[in-house]
N, C-alpha and C. Protein backbone atom coordinates (compact mmCIF):
# COMPACT_ATOMS: atom_id res chain seq x y z
N MET A 1 -79.29 -60.57 59.13
CA MET A 1 -79.86 -61.37 58.07
C MET A 1 -79.02 -62.65 57.96
N SER A 2 -79.71 -63.81 57.88
CA SER A 2 -79.01 -65.10 57.89
C SER A 2 -78.44 -65.41 56.53
N PHE A 3 -77.59 -66.35 56.48
CA PHE A 3 -76.96 -66.76 55.22
C PHE A 3 -77.99 -67.22 54.23
N TRP A 4 -78.97 -68.00 54.67
CA TRP A 4 -79.98 -68.55 53.76
C TRP A 4 -80.86 -67.45 53.19
N THR A 5 -81.13 -66.49 54.04
CA THR A 5 -81.96 -65.36 53.54
C THR A 5 -81.21 -64.61 52.44
N LYS A 6 -79.92 -64.36 52.65
CA LYS A 6 -79.11 -63.67 51.64
C LYS A 6 -79.05 -64.47 50.36
N LEU A 7 -78.96 -65.78 50.50
CA LEU A 7 -78.87 -66.65 49.31
C LEU A 7 -80.16 -66.59 48.51
N VAL A 8 -81.30 -66.61 49.22
CA VAL A 8 -82.60 -66.56 48.52
C VAL A 8 -82.74 -65.23 47.78
N ILE A 9 -82.34 -64.16 48.44
CA ILE A 9 -82.44 -62.83 47.80
C ILE A 9 -81.55 -62.76 46.57
N ALA A 10 -80.33 -63.34 46.67
CA ALA A 10 -79.40 -63.33 45.55
C ALA A 10 -79.97 -64.12 44.39
N VAL A 11 -80.56 -65.29 44.69
CA VAL A 11 -81.14 -66.11 43.62
C VAL A 11 -82.30 -65.39 42.96
N LEU A 12 -83.17 -64.77 43.77
CA LEU A 12 -84.32 -64.04 43.21
C LEU A 12 -83.86 -62.86 42.35
N ALA A 13 -82.81 -62.18 42.81
CA ALA A 13 -82.27 -61.05 42.04
C ALA A 13 -81.73 -61.53 40.71
N GLY A 14 -81.06 -62.69 40.75
CA GLY A 14 -80.51 -63.23 39.51
C GLY A 14 -81.60 -63.61 38.53
N ILE A 15 -82.66 -64.23 39.07
CA ILE A 15 -83.78 -64.63 38.19
C ILE A 15 -84.43 -63.39 37.59
N ALA A 16 -84.62 -62.39 38.45
CA ALA A 16 -85.25 -61.14 37.96
C ALA A 16 -84.38 -60.49 36.90
N GLY A 17 -83.08 -60.47 37.13
CA GLY A 17 -82.19 -59.86 36.14
C GLY A 17 -82.21 -60.62 34.83
N PHE A 18 -82.21 -61.95 34.90
CA PHE A 18 -82.25 -62.76 33.69
C PHE A 18 -83.53 -62.52 32.90
N TYR A 19 -84.65 -62.39 33.62
CA TYR A 19 -85.95 -62.17 32.98
C TYR A 19 -85.98 -60.82 32.24
N ILE A 20 -85.45 -59.83 32.94
CA ILE A 20 -85.43 -58.47 32.33
C ILE A 20 -84.56 -58.47 31.09
N TRP A 21 -83.41 -59.11 31.16
CA TRP A 21 -82.49 -59.16 30.03
C TRP A 21 -83.11 -59.83 28.83
N THR A 22 -83.71 -60.99 29.05
CA THR A 22 -84.28 -61.74 27.92
C THR A 22 -85.52 -61.06 27.36
N GLU A 23 -86.25 -60.35 28.21
CA GLU A 23 -87.51 -59.75 27.76
C GLU A 23 -87.30 -58.47 26.97
N PHE A 24 -86.32 -57.69 27.42
CA PHE A 24 -86.18 -56.36 26.82
C PHE A 24 -84.96 -56.14 25.95
N PHE A 25 -83.91 -56.89 26.19
CA PHE A 25 -82.65 -56.62 25.48
C PHE A 25 -82.28 -57.69 24.48
N ASP A 26 -82.63 -58.90 24.71
CA ASP A 26 -82.22 -59.97 23.84
C ASP A 26 -83.27 -60.22 22.78
N GLU A 27 -82.84 -60.56 21.55
CA GLU A 27 -83.78 -60.88 20.48
C GLU A 27 -84.41 -62.22 20.75
N LYS A 28 -85.72 -62.30 20.58
CA LYS A 28 -86.41 -63.56 20.81
C LYS A 28 -86.31 -64.40 19.56
N PRO A 29 -85.93 -65.65 19.71
CA PRO A 29 -85.83 -66.51 18.54
C PRO A 29 -87.19 -66.70 17.90
N GLY A 30 -87.19 -66.73 16.54
CA GLY A 30 -88.43 -66.96 15.81
C GLY A 30 -89.28 -65.74 15.62
N VAL A 31 -88.84 -64.61 16.19
CA VAL A 31 -89.62 -63.39 16.03
C VAL A 31 -88.85 -62.46 15.10
N GLU A 32 -89.45 -62.14 13.96
CA GLU A 32 -88.79 -61.29 12.98
C GLU A 32 -89.08 -59.83 13.30
N LYS A 33 -88.05 -59.06 13.19
CA LYS A 33 -88.25 -57.63 13.37
C LYS A 33 -88.81 -57.05 12.08
N LYS A 34 -89.85 -56.26 12.21
CA LYS A 34 -90.47 -55.64 11.04
C LYS A 34 -89.92 -54.23 10.89
N LEU A 35 -89.37 -53.97 9.74
CA LEU A 35 -88.85 -52.63 9.46
C LEU A 35 -89.90 -51.88 8.64
N VAL A 36 -90.25 -50.76 9.11
CA VAL A 36 -91.22 -49.93 8.39
C VAL A 36 -90.46 -48.82 7.69
N LYS A 37 -90.51 -48.85 6.37
CA LYS A 37 -89.81 -47.83 5.59
C LYS A 37 -90.75 -46.65 5.38
N GLU A 38 -90.26 -45.53 5.79
CA GLU A 38 -91.08 -44.33 5.61
C GLU A 38 -90.91 -43.80 4.20
N GLU A 39 -92.01 -43.56 3.55
CA GLU A 39 -91.96 -42.99 2.21
C GLU A 39 -92.60 -41.61 2.25
N VAL A 40 -91.95 -40.69 1.66
CA VAL A 40 -92.49 -39.33 1.58
C VAL A 40 -93.24 -39.22 0.26
N VAL A 41 -94.50 -38.98 0.35
CA VAL A 41 -95.32 -38.83 -0.85
C VAL A 41 -95.31 -37.36 -1.25
N GLU A 42 -94.69 -37.14 -2.38
CA GLU A 42 -94.63 -35.76 -2.86
C GLU A 42 -96.01 -35.35 -3.36
N PRO A 43 -96.42 -34.13 -3.08
CA PRO A 43 -97.71 -33.68 -3.61
C PRO A 43 -97.67 -33.66 -5.13
N GLN A 44 -98.72 -34.18 -5.74
CA GLN A 44 -98.75 -34.30 -7.18
C GLN A 44 -98.91 -32.91 -7.80
N GLN A 45 -97.97 -32.59 -8.64
CA GLN A 45 -98.00 -31.27 -9.27
C GLN A 45 -98.75 -31.36 -10.59
N THR A 46 -99.75 -30.56 -10.67
CA THR A 46 -100.52 -30.53 -11.92
C THR A 46 -99.86 -29.54 -12.86
N GLU A 47 -99.71 -29.96 -14.07
CA GLU A 47 -99.06 -29.09 -15.06
C GLU A 47 -99.97 -27.92 -15.38
N LYS A 48 -99.40 -26.74 -15.25
CA LYS A 48 -100.16 -25.53 -15.58
C LYS A 48 -100.12 -25.31 -17.08
N LYS A 49 -101.29 -25.25 -17.63
CA LYS A 49 -101.36 -24.98 -19.06
C LYS A 49 -101.12 -23.49 -19.28
N GLU A 50 -100.18 -23.22 -20.13
CA GLU A 50 -99.87 -21.81 -20.41
C GLU A 50 -100.96 -21.23 -21.29
N GLU A 51 -101.56 -20.19 -20.76
CA GLU A 51 -102.61 -19.53 -21.53
C GLU A 51 -101.97 -18.60 -22.55
N PRO A 52 -102.53 -18.60 -23.75
CA PRO A 52 -101.96 -17.69 -24.75
C PRO A 52 -102.11 -16.25 -24.30
N PRO A 53 -101.11 -15.43 -24.56
CA PRO A 53 -101.20 -14.02 -24.13
C PRO A 53 -102.41 -13.33 -24.73
N LYS A 54 -103.08 -12.58 -23.87
CA LYS A 54 -104.28 -11.89 -24.35
C LYS A 54 -103.88 -10.74 -25.27
N LYS A 55 -104.59 -10.68 -26.37
CA LYS A 55 -104.33 -9.59 -27.31
C LYS A 55 -104.93 -8.31 -26.75
N GLU A 56 -104.11 -7.29 -26.74
CA GLU A 56 -104.60 -6.01 -26.26
C GLU A 56 -105.59 -5.45 -27.28
N GLU A 57 -106.74 -5.10 -26.77
CA GLU A 57 -107.75 -4.56 -27.67
C GLU A 57 -107.35 -3.14 -28.08
N VAL A 58 -107.26 -2.96 -29.37
CA VAL A 58 -106.89 -1.65 -29.89
C VAL A 58 -108.18 -0.83 -30.05
N LYS A 59 -108.20 0.27 -29.36
CA LYS A 59 -109.38 1.12 -29.44
C LYS A 59 -109.43 1.80 -30.81
N LYS A 60 -110.54 1.61 -31.49
CA LYS A 60 -110.69 2.19 -32.82
C LYS A 60 -111.04 3.67 -32.73
N THR A 61 -110.51 4.42 -33.66
CA THR A 61 -110.77 5.86 -33.74
C THR A 61 -111.47 6.15 -35.06
N TYR A 62 -112.45 7.02 -35.01
CA TYR A 62 -113.21 7.34 -36.22
C TYR A 62 -113.15 8.84 -36.50
N ALA A 63 -113.04 9.13 -37.78
CA ALA A 63 -113.02 10.53 -38.22
C ALA A 63 -114.36 10.85 -38.88
N THR A 64 -114.76 12.10 -38.74
CA THR A 64 -116.01 12.56 -39.37
C THR A 64 -115.66 13.47 -40.54
N VAL A 65 -116.14 13.10 -41.71
CA VAL A 65 -115.85 13.86 -42.93
C VAL A 65 -117.15 14.44 -43.46
N TYR A 66 -117.12 15.71 -43.86
CA TYR A 66 -118.32 16.38 -44.34
C TYR A 66 -118.30 16.53 -45.86
N PHE A 67 -119.24 15.82 -46.48
CA PHE A 67 -119.46 15.96 -47.91
C PHE A 67 -120.77 16.71 -48.13
N LEU A 68 -121.27 16.66 -49.35
CA LEU A 68 -122.50 17.37 -49.69
C LEU A 68 -123.53 16.40 -50.25
N GLY A 69 -124.78 16.84 -50.23
CA GLY A 69 -125.88 16.05 -50.80
C GLY A 69 -127.12 16.92 -50.84
N VAL A 70 -128.24 16.28 -51.13
CA VAL A 70 -129.51 17.01 -51.15
C VAL A 70 -130.52 16.26 -50.28
N ASP A 71 -131.43 17.02 -49.67
CA ASP A 71 -132.46 16.39 -48.86
C ASP A 71 -133.67 16.05 -49.72
N LYS A 72 -134.74 15.61 -49.07
CA LYS A 72 -135.94 15.18 -49.83
C LYS A 72 -136.61 16.33 -50.56
N ASN A 73 -136.26 17.56 -50.16
CA ASN A 73 -136.81 18.74 -50.83
C ASN A 73 -135.85 19.31 -51.86
N SER A 74 -134.78 18.50 -52.18
CA SER A 74 -133.76 18.88 -53.16
C SER A 74 -132.94 20.09 -52.72
N ALA A 75 -132.93 20.34 -51.42
CA ALA A 75 -132.11 21.44 -50.90
C ALA A 75 -130.74 20.88 -50.53
N GLY A 76 -129.70 21.69 -50.76
CA GLY A 76 -128.34 21.26 -50.46
C GLY A 76 -128.10 21.11 -48.96
N VAL A 77 -127.48 20.00 -48.57
CA VAL A 77 -127.17 19.75 -47.16
C VAL A 77 -125.77 19.16 -47.05
N PHE A 78 -125.23 19.24 -45.84
CA PHE A 78 -123.95 18.60 -45.57
C PHE A 78 -124.21 17.15 -45.16
N LYS A 79 -123.46 16.24 -45.75
CA LYS A 79 -123.58 14.82 -45.45
C LYS A 79 -122.38 14.39 -44.60
N LYS A 80 -122.67 13.92 -43.41
CA LYS A 80 -121.61 13.51 -42.49
C LYS A 80 -121.30 12.02 -42.71
N VAL A 81 -120.02 11.73 -42.98
CA VAL A 81 -119.57 10.36 -43.23
C VAL A 81 -118.53 9.99 -42.18
N THR A 82 -118.63 8.77 -41.67
CA THR A 82 -117.67 8.30 -40.65
C THR A 82 -116.65 7.37 -41.29
N ARG A 83 -115.40 7.62 -41.01
CA ARG A 83 -114.31 6.78 -41.52
C ARG A 83 -113.43 6.31 -40.37
N GLU A 84 -113.04 5.02 -40.42
CA GLU A 84 -112.14 4.50 -39.40
C GLU A 84 -110.71 4.97 -39.68
N VAL A 85 -110.09 5.54 -38.66
CA VAL A 85 -108.73 6.06 -38.80
C VAL A 85 -107.73 4.90 -38.67
N PRO A 86 -106.84 4.72 -39.65
CA PRO A 86 -105.83 3.66 -39.53
C PRO A 86 -104.96 3.86 -38.29
N GLN A 87 -104.54 2.75 -37.70
CA GLN A 87 -103.73 2.82 -36.49
C GLN A 87 -102.45 3.60 -36.74
N GLY A 88 -102.13 4.52 -35.84
CA GLY A 88 -100.92 5.31 -35.95
C GLY A 88 -101.07 6.56 -36.79
N LYS A 89 -102.25 6.75 -37.39
CA LYS A 89 -102.49 7.91 -38.25
C LYS A 89 -103.13 9.04 -37.44
N ASN A 90 -102.72 10.26 -37.70
CA ASN A 90 -103.31 11.42 -37.05
C ASN A 90 -104.75 11.60 -37.53
N LYS A 91 -105.67 11.74 -36.59
CA LYS A 91 -107.10 11.81 -36.92
C LYS A 91 -107.43 12.99 -37.82
N LEU A 92 -106.94 14.17 -37.49
CA LEU A 92 -107.24 15.37 -38.28
C LEU A 92 -106.65 15.26 -39.68
N THR A 93 -105.40 14.82 -39.75
CA THR A 93 -104.74 14.67 -41.07
C THR A 93 -105.52 13.69 -41.94
N TYR A 94 -105.92 12.56 -41.34
CA TYR A 94 -106.65 11.54 -42.10
C TYR A 94 -108.01 12.09 -42.56
N ALA A 95 -108.67 12.86 -41.70
CA ALA A 95 -109.98 13.41 -42.06
C ALA A 95 -109.88 14.36 -43.25
N ILE A 96 -108.89 15.25 -43.24
CA ILE A 96 -108.73 16.20 -44.36
C ILE A 96 -108.34 15.45 -45.64
N GLN A 97 -107.46 14.47 -45.52
CA GLN A 97 -107.07 13.68 -46.69
C GLN A 97 -108.26 12.93 -47.27
N SER A 98 -109.12 12.41 -46.39
CA SER A 98 -110.32 11.70 -46.84
C SER A 98 -111.28 12.65 -47.53
N LEU A 99 -111.35 13.87 -47.00
CA LEU A 99 -112.21 14.88 -47.62
C LEU A 99 -111.73 15.19 -49.04
N ILE A 100 -110.43 15.38 -49.20
CA ILE A 100 -109.86 15.70 -50.51
C ILE A 100 -110.06 14.53 -51.48
N ALA A 101 -109.94 13.30 -50.98
CA ALA A 101 -110.11 12.12 -51.83
C ALA A 101 -111.54 11.97 -52.33
N GLY A 102 -112.49 12.53 -51.57
CA GLY A 102 -113.88 12.50 -52.00
C GLY A 102 -114.62 11.27 -51.52
N PRO A 103 -115.93 11.23 -51.78
CA PRO A 103 -116.75 10.09 -51.35
C PRO A 103 -116.39 8.82 -52.13
N ASP A 104 -116.61 7.66 -51.50
CA ASP A 104 -116.34 6.41 -52.21
C ASP A 104 -117.53 6.03 -53.09
N ALA A 105 -117.43 4.94 -53.81
CA ALA A 105 -118.45 4.55 -54.79
C ALA A 105 -119.83 4.36 -54.14
N ALA A 106 -119.84 3.70 -52.98
CA ALA A 106 -121.12 3.45 -52.29
C ALA A 106 -121.77 4.76 -51.86
N GLU A 107 -120.96 5.69 -51.41
CA GLU A 107 -121.48 6.99 -50.97
C GLU A 107 -122.00 7.79 -52.17
N LYS A 108 -121.31 7.70 -53.29
CA LYS A 108 -121.77 8.40 -54.49
C LYS A 108 -123.12 7.88 -54.95
N GLU A 109 -123.34 6.57 -54.80
CA GLU A 109 -124.63 5.99 -55.18
C GLU A 109 -125.76 6.53 -54.33
N GLN A 110 -125.44 7.00 -53.14
CA GLN A 110 -126.44 7.58 -52.25
C GLN A 110 -126.57 9.09 -52.43
N GLY A 111 -125.95 9.60 -53.49
CA GLY A 111 -126.08 11.01 -53.81
C GLY A 111 -125.11 11.92 -53.09
N VAL A 112 -124.06 11.34 -52.50
CA VAL A 112 -123.05 12.14 -51.80
C VAL A 112 -122.01 12.63 -52.80
N PHE A 113 -121.65 13.91 -52.70
CA PHE A 113 -120.63 14.48 -53.58
C PHE A 113 -119.81 15.50 -52.82
N SER A 114 -118.82 16.07 -53.47
CA SER A 114 -117.94 17.05 -52.82
C SER A 114 -117.60 18.16 -53.79
N GLU A 115 -117.41 19.36 -53.24
CA GLU A 115 -116.98 20.51 -54.05
C GLU A 115 -115.47 20.72 -53.94
N VAL A 116 -114.79 19.93 -53.13
CA VAL A 116 -113.34 20.08 -52.97
C VAL A 116 -112.66 19.41 -54.17
N PRO A 117 -111.90 20.16 -54.98
CA PRO A 117 -111.23 19.56 -56.13
C PRO A 117 -110.24 18.46 -55.70
N LYS A 118 -110.16 17.40 -56.48
CA LYS A 118 -109.30 16.27 -56.11
C LYS A 118 -107.81 16.57 -56.28
N ASN A 119 -107.50 17.63 -57.02
CA ASN A 119 -106.08 17.97 -57.20
C ASN A 119 -105.54 18.84 -56.06
N VAL A 120 -106.40 19.14 -55.08
CA VAL A 120 -105.96 19.90 -53.90
C VAL A 120 -105.04 19.02 -53.07
N LYS A 121 -104.02 19.63 -52.50
CA LYS A 121 -103.09 18.88 -51.65
C LYS A 121 -103.07 19.43 -50.23
N LEU A 122 -103.01 18.52 -49.30
CA LEU A 122 -102.82 18.91 -47.91
C LEU A 122 -101.31 19.04 -47.70
N LEU A 123 -100.85 20.28 -47.50
CA LEU A 123 -99.41 20.53 -47.39
C LEU A 123 -98.87 20.21 -46.00
N ALA A 124 -99.65 20.49 -44.98
CA ALA A 124 -99.17 20.22 -43.61
C ALA A 124 -100.31 20.39 -42.61
N VAL A 125 -100.17 19.64 -41.51
CA VAL A 125 -100.99 19.86 -40.32
C VAL A 125 -100.00 20.00 -39.17
N VAL A 126 -99.94 21.20 -38.61
CA VAL A 126 -98.97 21.49 -37.55
C VAL A 126 -99.71 21.82 -36.27
N GLU A 127 -99.42 21.06 -35.23
CA GLU A 127 -100.07 21.30 -33.94
C GLU A 127 -99.03 21.72 -32.91
N SER A 128 -99.31 22.83 -32.24
CA SER A 128 -98.47 23.29 -31.13
C SER A 128 -99.31 23.27 -29.87
N GLU A 129 -98.74 23.76 -28.78
CA GLU A 129 -99.48 23.77 -27.52
C GLU A 129 -100.68 24.71 -27.56
N SER A 130 -100.59 25.73 -28.40
CA SER A 130 -101.62 26.77 -28.37
C SER A 130 -102.54 26.78 -29.60
N LYS A 131 -102.13 26.12 -30.70
CA LYS A 131 -102.98 26.20 -31.91
C LYS A 131 -102.66 25.07 -32.89
N ILE A 132 -103.51 24.99 -33.91
CA ILE A 132 -103.33 24.01 -35.00
C ILE A 132 -103.38 24.77 -36.32
N ILE A 133 -102.44 24.47 -37.21
CA ILE A 133 -102.42 25.08 -38.53
C ILE A 133 -102.66 24.00 -39.58
N ILE A 134 -103.63 24.24 -40.46
CA ILE A 134 -103.88 23.36 -41.59
C ILE A 134 -103.48 24.13 -42.84
N ASP A 135 -102.50 23.61 -43.55
CA ASP A 135 -101.99 24.29 -44.75
C ASP A 135 -102.41 23.51 -46.00
N ILE A 136 -103.13 24.21 -46.90
CA ILE A 136 -103.68 23.57 -48.11
C ILE A 136 -103.18 24.30 -49.34
N SER A 137 -103.04 23.55 -50.42
CA SER A 137 -102.53 24.14 -51.66
C SER A 137 -103.53 25.17 -52.23
N GLY A 138 -102.97 26.14 -52.98
CA GLY A 138 -103.76 27.28 -53.46
C GLY A 138 -104.87 26.92 -54.43
N ASN A 139 -104.76 25.76 -55.11
CA ASN A 139 -105.81 25.42 -56.09
C ASN A 139 -107.15 25.07 -55.43
N VAL A 140 -107.20 25.09 -54.08
CA VAL A 140 -108.48 24.90 -53.40
C VAL A 140 -109.44 26.05 -53.72
N GLN A 141 -108.87 27.17 -54.20
CA GLN A 141 -109.68 28.36 -54.48
C GLN A 141 -110.14 28.45 -55.92
N THR A 142 -109.65 27.57 -56.76
CA THR A 142 -109.93 27.69 -58.21
C THR A 142 -111.04 26.74 -58.66
N GLY A 143 -111.71 27.14 -59.73
CA GLY A 143 -112.77 26.32 -60.31
C GLY A 143 -114.09 26.53 -59.61
N GLY A 144 -115.16 26.59 -60.42
CA GLY A 144 -116.50 26.80 -59.85
C GLY A 144 -116.72 28.26 -59.51
N GLY A 145 -117.93 28.54 -59.11
CA GLY A 145 -118.27 29.92 -58.76
C GLY A 145 -118.20 30.14 -57.27
N ALA A 146 -118.84 31.22 -56.84
CA ALA A 146 -118.82 31.61 -55.43
C ALA A 146 -119.50 30.56 -54.55
N ASP A 147 -120.60 29.99 -55.05
CA ASP A 147 -121.31 28.98 -54.25
C ASP A 147 -120.46 27.74 -54.04
N SER A 148 -119.76 27.32 -55.10
CA SER A 148 -118.90 26.14 -55.00
C SER A 148 -117.75 26.39 -54.03
N LEU A 149 -117.15 27.58 -54.12
CA LEU A 149 -116.04 27.92 -53.23
C LEU A 149 -116.52 27.97 -51.78
N TYR A 150 -117.68 28.58 -51.57
CA TYR A 150 -118.24 28.67 -50.22
C TYR A 150 -118.48 27.26 -49.65
N SER A 151 -119.08 26.38 -50.47
CA SER A 151 -119.41 25.02 -50.01
C SER A 151 -118.17 24.22 -49.67
N ARG A 152 -117.14 24.31 -50.53
CA ARG A 152 -115.93 23.52 -50.26
C ARG A 152 -115.19 24.01 -49.02
N MET A 153 -115.20 25.34 -48.83
CA MET A 153 -114.54 25.86 -47.64
C MET A 153 -115.31 25.48 -46.37
N LYS A 154 -116.64 25.45 -46.46
CA LYS A 154 -117.44 25.00 -45.31
C LYS A 154 -117.15 23.52 -45.03
N GLN A 155 -116.98 22.73 -46.08
CA GLN A 155 -116.63 21.32 -45.89
C GLN A 155 -115.31 21.19 -45.11
N ILE A 156 -114.35 21.97 -45.52
CA ILE A 156 -113.03 21.92 -44.87
C ILE A 156 -113.13 22.37 -43.42
N ILE A 157 -113.85 23.47 -43.19
CA ILE A 157 -113.96 24.02 -41.84
C ILE A 157 -114.68 23.03 -40.92
N LYS A 158 -115.82 22.50 -41.37
CA LYS A 158 -116.59 21.58 -40.53
C LYS A 158 -115.80 20.31 -40.24
N THR A 159 -115.10 19.79 -41.24
CA THR A 159 -114.30 18.58 -41.05
C THR A 159 -113.16 18.85 -40.06
N ALA A 160 -112.52 19.99 -40.20
CA ALA A 160 -111.42 20.34 -39.29
C ALA A 160 -111.91 20.48 -37.85
N LEU A 161 -113.00 21.22 -37.66
CA LEU A 161 -113.50 21.46 -36.31
C LEU A 161 -113.94 20.18 -35.61
N ASN A 162 -114.43 19.21 -36.36
CA ASN A 162 -114.97 17.99 -35.76
C ASN A 162 -113.92 16.90 -35.55
N ASN A 163 -112.69 17.13 -35.98
CA ASN A 163 -111.66 16.09 -35.82
C ASN A 163 -110.39 16.56 -35.12
N ALA A 164 -110.36 17.83 -34.77
CA ALA A 164 -109.16 18.37 -34.12
C ALA A 164 -109.36 18.46 -32.61
N PRO A 165 -108.27 18.46 -31.85
CA PRO A 165 -108.37 18.72 -30.41
C PRO A 165 -108.95 20.12 -30.19
N LYS A 166 -109.41 20.37 -28.99
CA LYS A 166 -110.04 21.66 -28.68
C LYS A 166 -108.99 22.76 -28.56
N LYS A 167 -108.52 23.18 -29.71
CA LYS A 167 -107.55 24.28 -29.80
C LYS A 167 -107.96 25.18 -30.95
N PRO A 168 -107.50 26.43 -30.95
CA PRO A 168 -107.76 27.29 -32.10
C PRO A 168 -107.15 26.70 -33.37
N ILE A 169 -107.93 26.70 -34.45
CA ILE A 169 -107.47 26.14 -35.73
C ILE A 169 -107.37 27.27 -36.76
N TYR A 170 -106.25 27.30 -37.46
CA TYR A 170 -106.03 28.33 -38.48
C TYR A 170 -105.83 27.66 -39.84
N LEU A 171 -106.48 28.24 -40.86
CA LEU A 171 -106.34 27.73 -42.22
C LEU A 171 -105.30 28.57 -42.97
N TYR A 172 -104.29 27.87 -43.49
CA TYR A 172 -103.27 28.50 -44.32
C TYR A 172 -103.43 28.00 -45.75
N ILE A 173 -103.15 28.87 -46.71
CA ILE A 173 -103.15 28.48 -48.12
C ILE A 173 -101.78 28.80 -48.69
N ASP A 174 -101.11 27.77 -49.17
CA ASP A 174 -99.74 27.88 -49.68
C ASP A 174 -98.81 28.57 -48.67
N GLY A 175 -98.96 28.21 -47.40
CA GLY A 175 -98.04 28.70 -46.37
C GLY A 175 -98.41 30.04 -45.75
N LYS A 176 -99.51 30.65 -46.19
CA LYS A 176 -99.91 31.94 -45.63
C LYS A 176 -101.32 31.85 -45.06
N GLN A 177 -101.52 32.53 -43.94
CA GLN A 177 -102.84 32.50 -43.32
C GLN A 177 -103.88 33.12 -44.25
N ALA A 178 -104.98 32.37 -44.46
CA ALA A 178 -106.03 32.82 -45.38
C ALA A 178 -106.84 33.96 -44.79
N GLU A 179 -107.08 34.97 -45.63
CA GLU A 179 -107.91 36.11 -45.20
C GLU A 179 -109.06 36.34 -46.18
N VAL A 180 -108.72 36.24 -47.47
CA VAL A 180 -109.73 36.39 -48.53
C VAL A 180 -109.59 35.20 -49.46
N LEU A 181 -110.70 34.60 -49.83
CA LEU A 181 -110.68 33.38 -50.63
C LEU A 181 -111.09 33.66 -52.07
N GLY A 182 -110.22 33.26 -53.02
CA GLY A 182 -110.53 33.30 -54.44
C GLY A 182 -110.82 34.67 -54.98
N GLY A 183 -111.13 34.65 -56.30
CA GLY A 183 -111.44 35.91 -56.98
C GLY A 183 -112.78 36.46 -56.55
N GLU A 184 -113.57 35.64 -55.89
CA GLU A 184 -114.89 36.09 -55.44
C GLU A 184 -114.77 36.97 -54.19
N GLY A 185 -113.60 36.93 -53.57
CA GLY A 185 -113.36 37.78 -52.40
C GLY A 185 -114.16 37.39 -51.16
N ILE A 186 -114.28 36.08 -50.94
CA ILE A 186 -114.99 35.62 -49.73
C ILE A 186 -114.07 35.79 -48.53
N MET A 187 -114.55 36.55 -47.55
CA MET A 187 -113.75 36.79 -46.35
C MET A 187 -113.83 35.58 -45.42
N ILE A 188 -112.71 35.29 -44.75
CA ILE A 188 -112.68 34.21 -43.79
C ILE A 188 -112.05 34.70 -42.49
N THR A 189 -112.76 34.56 -41.40
CA THR A 189 -112.23 34.98 -40.11
C THR A 189 -111.54 33.80 -39.42
N GLN A 190 -110.46 34.11 -38.70
CA GLN A 190 -109.68 33.08 -38.03
C GLN A 190 -109.54 33.41 -36.54
N PRO A 191 -109.39 32.43 -35.63
CA PRO A 191 -109.38 31.00 -35.92
C PRO A 191 -110.71 30.51 -36.47
N LEU A 192 -110.68 29.31 -37.02
CA LEU A 192 -111.87 28.81 -37.69
C LEU A 192 -113.01 28.55 -36.70
N SER A 193 -114.21 28.82 -37.19
CA SER A 193 -115.43 28.51 -36.45
C SER A 193 -116.50 28.19 -37.46
N GLU A 194 -117.67 27.74 -36.99
CA GLU A 194 -118.77 27.45 -37.90
C GLU A 194 -119.21 28.69 -38.67
N ASN A 195 -118.90 29.84 -38.11
CA ASN A 195 -119.34 31.10 -38.74
C ASN A 195 -118.21 31.86 -39.41
N SER A 196 -117.08 31.21 -39.67
CA SER A 196 -115.92 31.90 -40.24
C SER A 196 -116.20 32.56 -41.58
N LEU A 197 -117.12 32.00 -42.38
CA LEU A 197 -117.42 32.55 -43.70
C LEU A 197 -118.63 33.45 -43.69
N ASP A 198 -119.28 33.59 -42.55
CA ASP A 198 -120.56 34.31 -42.51
C ASP A 198 -120.48 35.61 -41.73
N GLU A 199 -119.33 35.91 -41.13
CA GLU A 199 -119.25 37.12 -40.31
C GLU A 199 -118.88 38.33 -41.15
C-alpha cells in the first residue's frame, strides 16, 4: 500500500470518527434536551361510607292465656288470649302471672273474665331435665263453688300446657303436689293433661 493511499485512509478515518463523535456524543448547540418527569398517578380512593350497624331483629315470643267467656248461645267457653312475652322473661312464668292478673279492660269489655282469684300467688316455676313444677299458693282453692274451682283449675292447666316445653308438668300447691282440690274434693291426676280433672 502506497504512502498516499495510507494518507487518504487516515484522513477518511479521521473524518468518520469526527462525524460519529459530533453526532452521537457531543451536545448539539441550540438543541435543548427535554426532560420528561414521570409522575405516578395514585388510584383515587373513594371514601367508604360507614354503614350503621344493623340492629339484630329480636324474635318476639307470645304466650297463650286461657280466660273464660260465653258463646252466642250463652254457654261457658274458654277464651284464648295472646300476650307478648317481655324480652328475657320465661314464657311459662309470664303466662301464669298473666292468668292470675286477669283480663285487661279491653278484654273485659268483650265479655272475658276469669275464675282465678287475684290474690293467688305464683310461688315458683321449676324446670329440670325431666319435668316442670308449677307451685301456686293455697288460696287458689278457696272461694266459689265446685264449678268455679273446676273452671279456674282448667284455666291453669290449659295455660300451663300451651306455654311449657314438651315435658311432664306437675301442679304443686303450697309446696306439695296436688292430689285433691278444695273442700269439694276434686281429684287431679298428674302429670297435667287436658283430662287431669275428668279422669
